[in-house]
Amino acid sequence: LAATRYVSPGGAGLVAFRVSGALRAAVVVGGRELPSFAHGPVEGGARVALIALPWDHQPTVPLTLTARDEAGNIASRAIPAELTPRRFPTDTIELQDAFLRAKVPELLPQLPAGAPLLDGFLTINREQRRWAEEEKRRLGTTTAEKPLWEGPFVQPKNSKVFANFAETRAYRYQGREVDRQVHYGYDLASVKQSPVPAANTGVVAFAGPLTIYGNTVIVDHGWGLQTLYAHLSRIDVKVGDAVEKGQELARTGTTGLAIGDHLHYEVLIHGVSVTP
């Protein structure tokens, strides 16, 4: 019926379509199925799906609608969207011993006494980061089957973006590069322990520690759309709470792999981080 015409890596889109006789209908992006949801009168058979393109999405990877019936028959159709190229920023982070002494014991208390702190940091930055991404994907599979949000999403007052989405970070220690990772959200700077408002109406899907993200809140806004708030010093909501746009969820902090007090903010669609 309709689709977002131009999409880009790290971007989002929407497709509306009609299907009959299907047991399941979804969007397939690079072998990964993104669910669709009924919309409008039941007899109309209309469905909608939000599309998330990972930051490293390749032009050769098609966007496809698929439908499967009870007998296992599959029908598919290409989504008429054009991919626009995009480049992402890079940054270098110099690791200091004081930072390693503060963060490695916090996030990896099982590191043997006397073991190099750099080894512990690399375990955190690689394995714990990977686990957190898998957990975000898992949480993204549970979502309201209707939109809970209303109007545009809001940014915390008096906050400023100082680190960007899909920024490739080179980590250096004592003059040499030791690791390279991708940053999946915006870092928003404000005053210390500043209020963290819900970007829009929704239901709390997660509230607690999340490895490198520290104390974290994830709010579900329906149709697979979620927002994530990390490095919090305090959390004021619990899983299942309904929240309104602008309601205070928490306070900013330095938990997780945070060098200074700030808010790490992400927008996710079915657990895939996209440009906020």
Protein backbone atom coordinates (compact mmCIF):
# COMPACT_ATOMS: atom_id res chain seq x y z
CA LEU A 1 0.00 0.00 0.00
CA ALA A 2 2.81 2.42 0.87
CA ALA A 3 6.43 2.49 1.97
CA THR A 4 9.11 4.96 2.98
CA ARG A 5 10.74 5.78 -0.35
CA TYR A 6 14.29 6.63 0.72
CA VAL A 7 16.11 4.76 3.48
CA SER A 8 19.73 4.76 4.58
CA PRO A 9 22.06 2.65 6.71
CA GLY A 10 21.27 3.26 10.37
CA GLY A 11 17.89 4.58 9.33
CA ALA A 12 14.27 3.59 9.71
CA GLY A 13 11.21 3.28 7.53
CA LEU A 14 7.64 2.01 7.49
CA VAL A 15 5.74 -0.21 5.09
CA ALA A 16 1.96 -0.69 4.95
CA PHE A 17 0.54 -3.63 3.03
CA ARG A 18 -2.48 -5.88 2.68
CA VAL A 19 -2.33 -9.66 2.95
CA SER A 20 -4.95 -12.43 3.02
CA GLY A 21 -4.75 -16.06 4.08
CA ALA A 22 -1.41 -15.63 5.84
CA LEU A 23 -0.43 -17.20 9.13
CA ARG A 24 2.55 -14.86 9.41
CA ALA A 25 3.63 -11.75 7.51
CA ALA A 26 6.92 -9.94 8.08
CA VAL A 27 9.63 -7.76 6.58
CA VAL A 28 12.94 -9.51 5.89
CA VAL A 29 16.14 -7.46 6.09
CA GLY A 30 19.34 -9.38 5.51
CA GLY A 31 17.83 -12.69 6.61
CA ARG A 32 16.30 -11.20 9.77
CA GLU A 33 12.51 -11.09 10.09
CA LEU A 34 10.90 -7.93 11.46
CA PRO A 35 7.26 -8.51 12.52
CA SER A 36 4.24 -6.68 11.18
CA PHE A 37 1.10 -5.64 13.06
CA ALA A 38 -2.58 -5.47 12.14
CA HIS A 39 -3.83 -1.96 11.50
CA GLY A 40 -7.35 -0.70 10.86
CA PRO A 41 -10.50 -2.80 10.42
CA VAL A 42 -9.87 -6.54 10.59
CA GLU A 43 -11.76 -7.19 7.37
CA GLY A 44 -9.38 -4.85 5.55
CA GLY A 45 -6.39 -7.11 6.16
CA ALA A 46 -4.00 -4.16 6.39
CA ARG A 47 -0.72 -4.49 8.28
CA VAL A 48 2.19 -2.19 9.07
CA ALA A 49 5.82 -2.86 9.89
CA LEU A 50 8.63 -0.60 11.04
CA ILE A 51 11.90 -1.27 9.21
CA ALA A 52 15.30 -0.93 10.86
CA LEU A 53 18.47 -0.85 8.79
CA PRO A 54 21.67 -1.58 10.74
CA TRP A 55 24.38 1.05 10.43
CA ASP A 56 26.44 -1.33 8.24
CA HIS A 57 23.55 -2.31 5.93
CA GLN A 58 24.84 -3.07 2.43
CA PRO A 59 23.16 -1.87 -0.82
CA THR A 60 23.01 -5.43 -2.14
CA VAL A 61 20.83 -6.62 0.77
CA PRO A 62 17.16 -6.55 -0.33
CA LEU A 63 14.16 -5.40 1.69
CA THR A 64 11.36 -7.92 1.23
CA LEU A 65 7.83 -8.60 2.42
CA THR A 66 7.09 -12.26 3.07
CA ALA A 67 3.86 -14.08 3.95
CA ARG A 68 3.49 -17.70 4.98
CA ASP A 69 0.25 -19.73 5.15
CA GLU A 70 -0.62 -22.74 7.31
CA ALA A 71 0.58 -25.16 4.63
CA GLY A 72 4.01 -23.52 4.58
CA ASN A 73 3.59 -21.79 1.23
CA ILE A 74 5.53 -18.53 1.01
CA ALA A 75 4.85 -15.43 -1.05
CA SER A 76 7.26 -12.51 -1.21
CA ARG A 77 7.47 -9.07 -2.74
CA ALA A 78 10.25 -6.50 -2.81
CA ILE A 79 9.69 -3.26 -0.93
CA PRO A 80 10.08 -0.31 -3.32
CA ALA A 81 12.67 1.63 -1.31
CA GLU A 82 15.87 3.28 -2.48
CA LEU A 83 19.01 3.15 -0.33
CA THR A 84 20.89 6.42 0.05
CA PRO A 85 24.58 6.14 1.01
CA ARG A 86 25.83 7.49 4.31
CA ARG A 87 29.12 7.99 6.13
CA PHE A 88 29.60 7.83 9.88
CA PRO A 89 32.11 9.64 12.13
CA THR A 90 35.16 8.25 13.89
CA ASP A 91 36.74 9.11 17.22
CA THR A 92 39.72 8.14 19.37
CA ILE A 93 39.50 7.43 23.09
CA GLU A 94 42.67 7.49 25.15
CA LEU A 95 42.43 5.01 28.02
CA GLN A 96 43.91 6.21 31.29
CA ASP A 97 45.01 4.01 34.19
CA ALA A 98 42.71 5.88 36.57
CA PHE A 99 39.73 5.01 34.37
CA LEU A 100 40.74 1.33 34.22
CA ARG A 101 41.23 1.19 37.99
CA ALA A 102 37.76 2.63 38.51
CA LYS A 103 35.77 0.72 35.89
CA VAL A 104 37.28 -2.75 35.52
CA PRO A 105 36.57 -3.83 39.14
CA GLU A 106 33.05 -2.40 38.86
CA LEU A 107 32.15 -4.30 35.69
CA LEU A 108 34.40 -7.37 35.99
CA PRO A 109 34.74 -8.16 39.72
CA GLN A 110 35.72 -11.76 38.88
CA LEU A 111 39.01 -10.61 37.30
CA PRO A 112 41.80 -12.38 39.25
CA ALA A 113 43.86 -10.19 41.54
CA GLY A 114 47.01 -9.03 39.78
CA ALA A 115 45.63 -9.65 36.29
CA PRO A 116 46.32 -6.78 33.84
CA LEU A 117 43.52 -4.22 33.97
CA LEU A 118 43.76 -3.77 30.20
CA ASP A 119 42.87 -7.45 29.70
CA GLY A 120 39.83 -6.92 31.91
CA PHE A 121 38.82 -3.83 29.96
CA LEU A 122 39.03 -5.70 26.66
CA THR A 123 36.81 -8.46 28.04
CA ILE A 124 34.28 -5.86 29.11
CA ASN A 125 34.47 -3.84 25.90
CA ARG A 126 34.09 -6.92 23.68
CA GLU A 127 32.24 -9.72 25.44
CA GLN A 128 30.01 -7.67 27.76
CA ARG A 129 29.22 -5.30 24.90
CA ARG A 130 28.25 -8.25 22.68
CA TRP A 131 26.04 -9.67 25.42
CA ALA A 132 24.31 -6.30 25.87
CA GLU A 133 23.55 -6.09 22.14
CA GLU A 134 22.03 -9.60 22.26
CA GLU A 135 19.92 -8.59 25.25
CA LYS A 136 18.66 -5.51 23.41
CA ARG A 137 17.61 -7.73 20.49
CA ARG A 138 15.84 -10.09 22.90
CA LEU A 139 13.97 -7.26 24.62
CA GLY A 140 12.96 -5.90 21.22
CA THR A 141 10.94 -9.04 20.47
CA THR A 142 8.36 -8.12 23.15
CA THR A 143 6.41 -5.02 22.20
CA ALA A 144 2.91 -3.58 22.20
CA GLU A 145 0.97 -4.41 19.05
CA LYS A 146 -0.24 -0.82 18.71
CA PRO A 147 1.54 2.56 18.79
CA LEU A 148 1.84 3.93 22.32
CA TRP A 149 3.72 7.10 21.38
CA GLU A 150 2.12 10.44 20.51
CA GLY A 151 3.78 13.09 18.37
CA PRO A 152 7.52 13.76 18.16
CA PHE A 153 10.06 12.36 20.59
CA VAL A 154 11.62 14.92 22.95
CA GLN A 155 15.23 15.52 23.93
CA PRO A 156 16.09 16.31 27.57
CA LYS A 157 16.11 20.06 28.20
CA ASN A 158 19.46 21.87 28.10
CA SER A 159 21.25 18.77 26.80
CA LYS A 160 23.75 18.74 23.94
CA VAL A 161 24.87 15.90 21.67
CA PHE A 162 28.61 15.33 22.04
CA ALA A 163 28.96 11.80 20.58
CA ASN A 164 27.11 10.53 17.55
CA PHE A 165 25.33 7.42 16.34
CA ALA A 166 27.45 4.71 14.66
CA GLU A 167 30.65 6.49 15.60
CA THR A 168 33.57 4.08 15.24
CA ARG A 169 35.79 4.46 18.29
CA ALA A 170 39.46 3.52 18.36
CA TYR A 171 40.61 2.80 21.93
CA ARG A 172 44.27 3.63 22.59
CA TYR A 173 46.40 2.72 25.60
CA GLN A 174 49.95 3.91 26.12
CA GLY A 175 50.29 5.05 22.54
CA ARG A 176 48.87 2.03 20.72
CA GLU A 177 45.41 1.04 19.52
CA VAL A 178 44.03 -1.86 21.57
CA ASP A 179 40.41 -2.10 20.41
CA ARG A 180 37.79 -0.69 18.03
CA GLN A 181 34.04 -0.61 18.64
CA VAL A 182 30.92 1.14 17.33
CA HIS A 183 28.85 3.52 19.46
CA TYR A 184 25.12 2.89 18.92
CA GLY A 185 23.44 6.05 20.23
CA TYR A 186 23.80 9.70 21.12
CA ASP A 187 25.68 10.86 24.18
CA LEU A 188 23.87 13.84 25.68
CA ALA A 189 25.72 16.15 28.04
CA SER A 190 24.04 18.27 30.70
CA VAL A 191 24.64 19.03 34.38
CA LYS A 192 25.55 16.17 36.72
CA GLN A 193 22.69 13.90 37.81
CA SER A 194 20.23 15.78 35.61
CA PRO A 195 16.66 14.49 35.12
CA VAL A 196 16.14 11.91 32.36
CA PRO A 197 12.68 12.31 30.79
CA ALA A 198 10.83 9.67 28.79
CA ALA A 199 11.16 10.68 25.15
CA ASN A 200 7.55 9.66 24.60
CA THR A 201 4.63 7.72 26.06
CA GLY A 202 5.21 4.00 26.59
CA VAL A 203 5.74 1.13 29.01
CA VAL A 204 9.00 0.31 30.81
CA ALA A 205 10.43 -2.89 29.30
CA PHE A 206 13.72 -2.99 31.25
CA ALA A 207 15.11 -1.27 34.34
CA GLY A 208 18.41 -2.32 35.88
CA PRO A 209 22.12 -2.93 35.18
CA LEU A 210 23.07 -3.77 31.56
CA THR A 211 26.84 -4.44 31.47
CA ILE A 212 28.67 -1.60 29.66
CA TYR A 213 25.55 0.58 29.74
CA GLY A 214 25.44 0.58 33.53
CA ASN A 215 22.06 1.31 35.08
CA THR A 216 19.64 1.35 32.15
CA VAL A 217 15.97 1.95 31.35
CA ILE A 218 14.31 0.79 28.12
CA VAL A 219 10.84 2.09 27.26
CA ASP A 220 8.64 0.28 24.72
CA HIS A 221 6.56 2.55 22.50
CA GLY A 222 4.81 -0.18 20.49
CA TRP A 223 5.33 -1.72 17.04
CA GLY A 224 8.90 -2.63 18.05
CA LEU A 225 9.96 0.97 18.67
CA GLN A 226 11.91 1.44 21.92
CA THR A 227 14.15 4.03 23.57
CA LEU A 228 17.13 3.29 25.82
CA TYR A 229 18.60 5.49 28.57
CA ALA A 230 21.96 4.44 30.05
CA HIS A 231 24.75 5.27 32.56
CA LEU A 232 22.09 6.28 35.09
CA SER A 233 22.95 7.15 38.68
CA ARG A 234 19.40 6.44 39.85
CA ILE A 235 16.33 4.68 38.38
CA ASP A 236 12.85 5.81 39.41
CA VAL A 237 10.67 3.36 37.43
CA LYS A 238 10.22 -0.41 37.22
CA VAL A 239 9.34 -2.90 34.49
CA GLY A 240 5.66 -2.65 33.54
CA ASP A 241 5.23 1.00 34.54
CA ALA A 242 3.28 3.13 32.07
CA VAL A 243 5.10 6.43 31.51
CA GLU A 244 4.10 9.69 29.88
CA LYS A 245 6.17 11.85 27.57
CA GLY A 246 8.48 14.00 29.67
CA GLN A 247 8.03 11.95 32.85
CA GLU A 248 11.24 11.58 34.83
CA LEU A 249 12.62 8.06 34.53
CA ALA A 250 15.97 8.46 36.24
CA ARG A 251 18.99 10.71 36.76
CA THR A 252 22.15 10.80 34.66
CA GLY A 253 25.37 9.32 36.01
CA THR A 254 28.60 7.47 35.31
CA THR A 255 27.64 3.79 35.72
CA GLY A 256 28.94 1.35 33.11
CA LEU A 257 31.70 2.37 30.69
CA ALA A 258 31.12 6.10 31.15
CA ILE A 259 34.06 8.45 31.48
CA GLY A 260 31.94 11.38 32.72
CA ASP A 261 28.36 12.06 33.80
CA HIS A 262 26.09 11.97 30.75
CA LEU A 263 23.07 10.25 29.21
CA HIS A 264 23.58 7.57 26.57
CA TYR A 265 20.36 7.60 24.51
CA GLU A 266 19.34 5.11 21.84
CA VAL A 267 16.38 4.49 19.57
CA LEU A 268 15.80 0.83 18.72
CA ILE A 269 13.46 -0.88 16.28
CA HIS A 270 13.05 -4.60 17.02
CA GLY A 271 16.29 -4.34 19.00
CA VAL A 272 18.28 -2.77 16.15
CA SER A 273 19.80 0.62 17.01
CA VAL A 274 18.95 3.37 14.52
CA THR A 275 19.76 7.08 14.34
CA PRO A 276 17.86 8.87 17.12
